[in-house]
Amino acid sequence: MTAAGSLVGRGVRGVAWFVRGVLREDAYERYLEHEASHGRRPTDPGVLTEREFWRDRTDRQDHAPEGRCC
C-alpha cells in the first residue's frame, strides 16, 4: 500500500470512529470496557448481552427521555 493510500485509510477509519461515537453506536463497547475495568468479563453473570443492553437502554429512554426531541 502506498503512503497516500495508508493516509486515506487512516482518515476514513478516523471519520468512522467519530461518527460511531456521535451516534452512540459504540455504547455497548464502552459498557463492556466499563465492566472490564471492574474485573468482569462479558460471560460473567450479571453482565448484559448486547441484545439485553440495547433493550434496557431503549426501555430507559422511553420511560425517562433525556435530551431527545421526540
C-alpha atoms as a PDB file:
ATOM      1  CA  MET A   1       0.000   0.000   0.000  1.00  0.00           C
ATOM      2  CA  THR A   2       1.281   3.449  -0.812  1.00  0.00           C
ATOM      3  CA  ALA A   3       1.807   6.151   1.765  1.00  0.00           C
ATOM      4  CA  ALA A   4      -1.111   8.154   0.353  1.00  0.00           C
ATOM      5  CA  GLY A   5      -3.374   5.091   0.433  1.00  0.00           C
ATOM      6  CA  SER A   6      -2.402   4.429   4.027  1.00  0.00           C
ATOM      7  CA  LEU A   7      -3.123   8.017   4.972  1.00  0.00           C
ATOM      8  CA  VAL A   8      -6.538   7.922   3.285  1.00  0.00           C
ATOM      9  CA  GLY A   9      -7.351   4.638   5.057  1.00  0.00           C
ATOM     10  CA  ARG A  10      -6.443   6.129   8.423  1.00  0.00           C
ATOM     11  CA  GLY A  11      -8.599   9.161   7.666  1.00  0.00           C
ATOM     12  CA  VAL A  12     -11.605   7.020   6.744  1.00  0.00           C
ATOM     13  CA  ARG A  13     -11.208   4.918   9.907  1.00  0.00           C
ATOM     14  CA  GLY A  14     -10.947   8.103  11.973  1.00  0.00           C
ATOM     15  CA  VAL A  15     -14.133   9.544  10.492  1.00  0.00           C
ATOM     16  CA  ALA A  16     -15.954   6.223  11.035  1.00  0.00           C
ATOM     17  CA  TRP A  17     -14.789   6.161  14.672  1.00  0.00           C
ATOM     18  CA  PHE A  18     -16.007   9.748  15.188  1.00  0.00           C
ATOM     19  CA  VAL A  19     -19.423   9.110  13.603  1.00  0.00           C
ATOM     20  CA  ARG A  20     -19.946   5.946  15.696  1.00  0.00           C
ATOM     21  CA  GLY A  21     -19.198   7.991  18.809  1.00  0.00           C
ATOM     22  CA  VAL A  22     -21.559  10.800  17.884  1.00  0.00           C
ATOM     23  CA  LEU A  23     -24.358   8.348  17.107  1.00  0.00           C
ATOM     24  CA  ARG A  24     -23.575   6.403  20.312  1.00  0.00           C
ATOM     25  CA  GLU A  25     -23.193   3.185  18.327  1.00  0.00           C
ATOM     26  CA  ASP A  26     -20.171   2.447  20.489  1.00  0.00           C
ATOM     27  CA  ALA A  27     -22.239   2.388  23.698  1.00  0.00           C
ATOM     28  CA  TYR A  28     -22.119  -1.396  24.119  1.00  0.00           C
ATOM     29  CA  GLU A  29     -18.348  -1.490  23.595  1.00  0.00           C
ATOM     30  CA  ARG A  30     -17.984   1.277  26.179  1.00  0.00           C
ATOM     31  CA  TYR A  31     -20.230  -0.691  28.573  1.00  0.00           C
ATOM     32  CA  LEU A  32     -18.005  -3.768  28.168  1.00  0.00           C
ATOM     33  CA  GLU A  33     -14.899  -1.639  28.792  1.00  0.00           C
ATOM     34  CA  HIS A  34     -16.517  -0.316  31.971  1.00  0.00           C
ATOM     35  CA  GLU A  35     -17.358  -3.841  33.130  1.00  0.00           C
ATOM     36  CA  ALA A  36     -13.798  -4.979  32.348  1.00  0.00           C
ATOM     37  CA  SER A  37     -12.407  -2.105  34.428  1.00  0.00           C
ATOM     38  CA  HIS A  38     -14.258  -3.670  37.380  1.00  0.00           C
ATOM     39  CA  GLY A  39     -12.834  -7.114  36.641  1.00  0.00           C
ATOM     40  CA  ARG A  40     -15.918  -8.548  34.952  1.00  0.00           C
ATOM     41  CA  ARG A  41     -15.890 -10.431  31.655  1.00  0.00           C
ATOM     42  CA  PRO A  42     -18.715 -10.493  29.078  1.00  0.00           C
ATOM     43  CA  THR A  43     -19.516 -14.095  30.061  1.00  0.00           C
ATOM     44  CA  ASP A  44     -19.830 -13.343  33.798  1.00  0.00           C
ATOM     45  CA  PRO A  45     -23.290 -13.452  35.405  1.00  0.00           C
ATOM     46  CA  GLY A  46     -24.882 -10.017  35.594  1.00  0.00           C
ATOM     47  CA  VAL A  47     -23.090  -8.641  32.526  1.00  0.00           C
ATOM     48  CA  LEU A  48     -25.675  -7.863  29.863  1.00  0.00           C
ATOM     49  CA  THR A  49     -25.535  -9.379  26.410  1.00  0.00           C
ATOM     50  CA  GLU A  50     -25.583  -6.902  23.547  1.00  0.00           C
ATOM     51  CA  ARG A  51     -29.281  -7.577  22.933  1.00  0.00           C
ATOM     52  CA  GLU A  52     -30.129  -7.095  26.639  1.00  0.00           C
ATOM     53  CA  PHE A  53     -28.042  -3.925  26.760  1.00  0.00           C
ATOM     54  CA  TRP A  54     -29.854  -2.257  23.839  1.00  0.00           C
ATOM     55  CA  ARG A  55     -33.282  -3.379  25.119  1.00  0.00           C
ATOM     56  CA  ASP A  56     -32.519  -1.918  28.558  1.00  0.00           C
ATOM     57  CA  ARG A  57     -31.207   1.305  27.053  1.00  0.00           C
ATOM     58  CA  THR A  58     -34.292   1.710  24.861  1.00  0.00           C
ATOM     59  CA  ASP A  59     -36.638   0.987  27.770  1.00  0.00           C
ATOM     60  CA  ARG A  60     -34.883   3.560  29.983  1.00  0.00           C
ATOM     61  CA  GLN A  61     -35.081   6.201  27.241  1.00  0.00           C
ATOM     62  CA  ASP A  62     -38.779   5.514  26.730  1.00  0.00           C
ATOM     63  CA  HIS A  63     -39.543   5.897  30.449  1.00  0.00           C
ATOM     64  CA  ALA A  64     -37.349   8.939  31.059  1.00  0.00           C
ATOM     65  CA  PRO A  65     -36.459  10.733  27.807  1.00  0.00           C
ATOM     66  CA  GLU A  66     -33.435  12.949  28.292  1.00  0.00           C
ATOM     67  CA  GLY A  67     -32.309  15.216  25.518  1.00  0.00           C
ATOM     68  CA  ARG A  68     -34.462  13.596  22.858  1.00  0.00           C
ATOM     69  CA  CYS A  69     -36.626  15.666  20.577  1.00  0.00           C
ATOM     70  CA  CYS A  70     -39.480  13.137  20.398  1.00  0.00           C
END
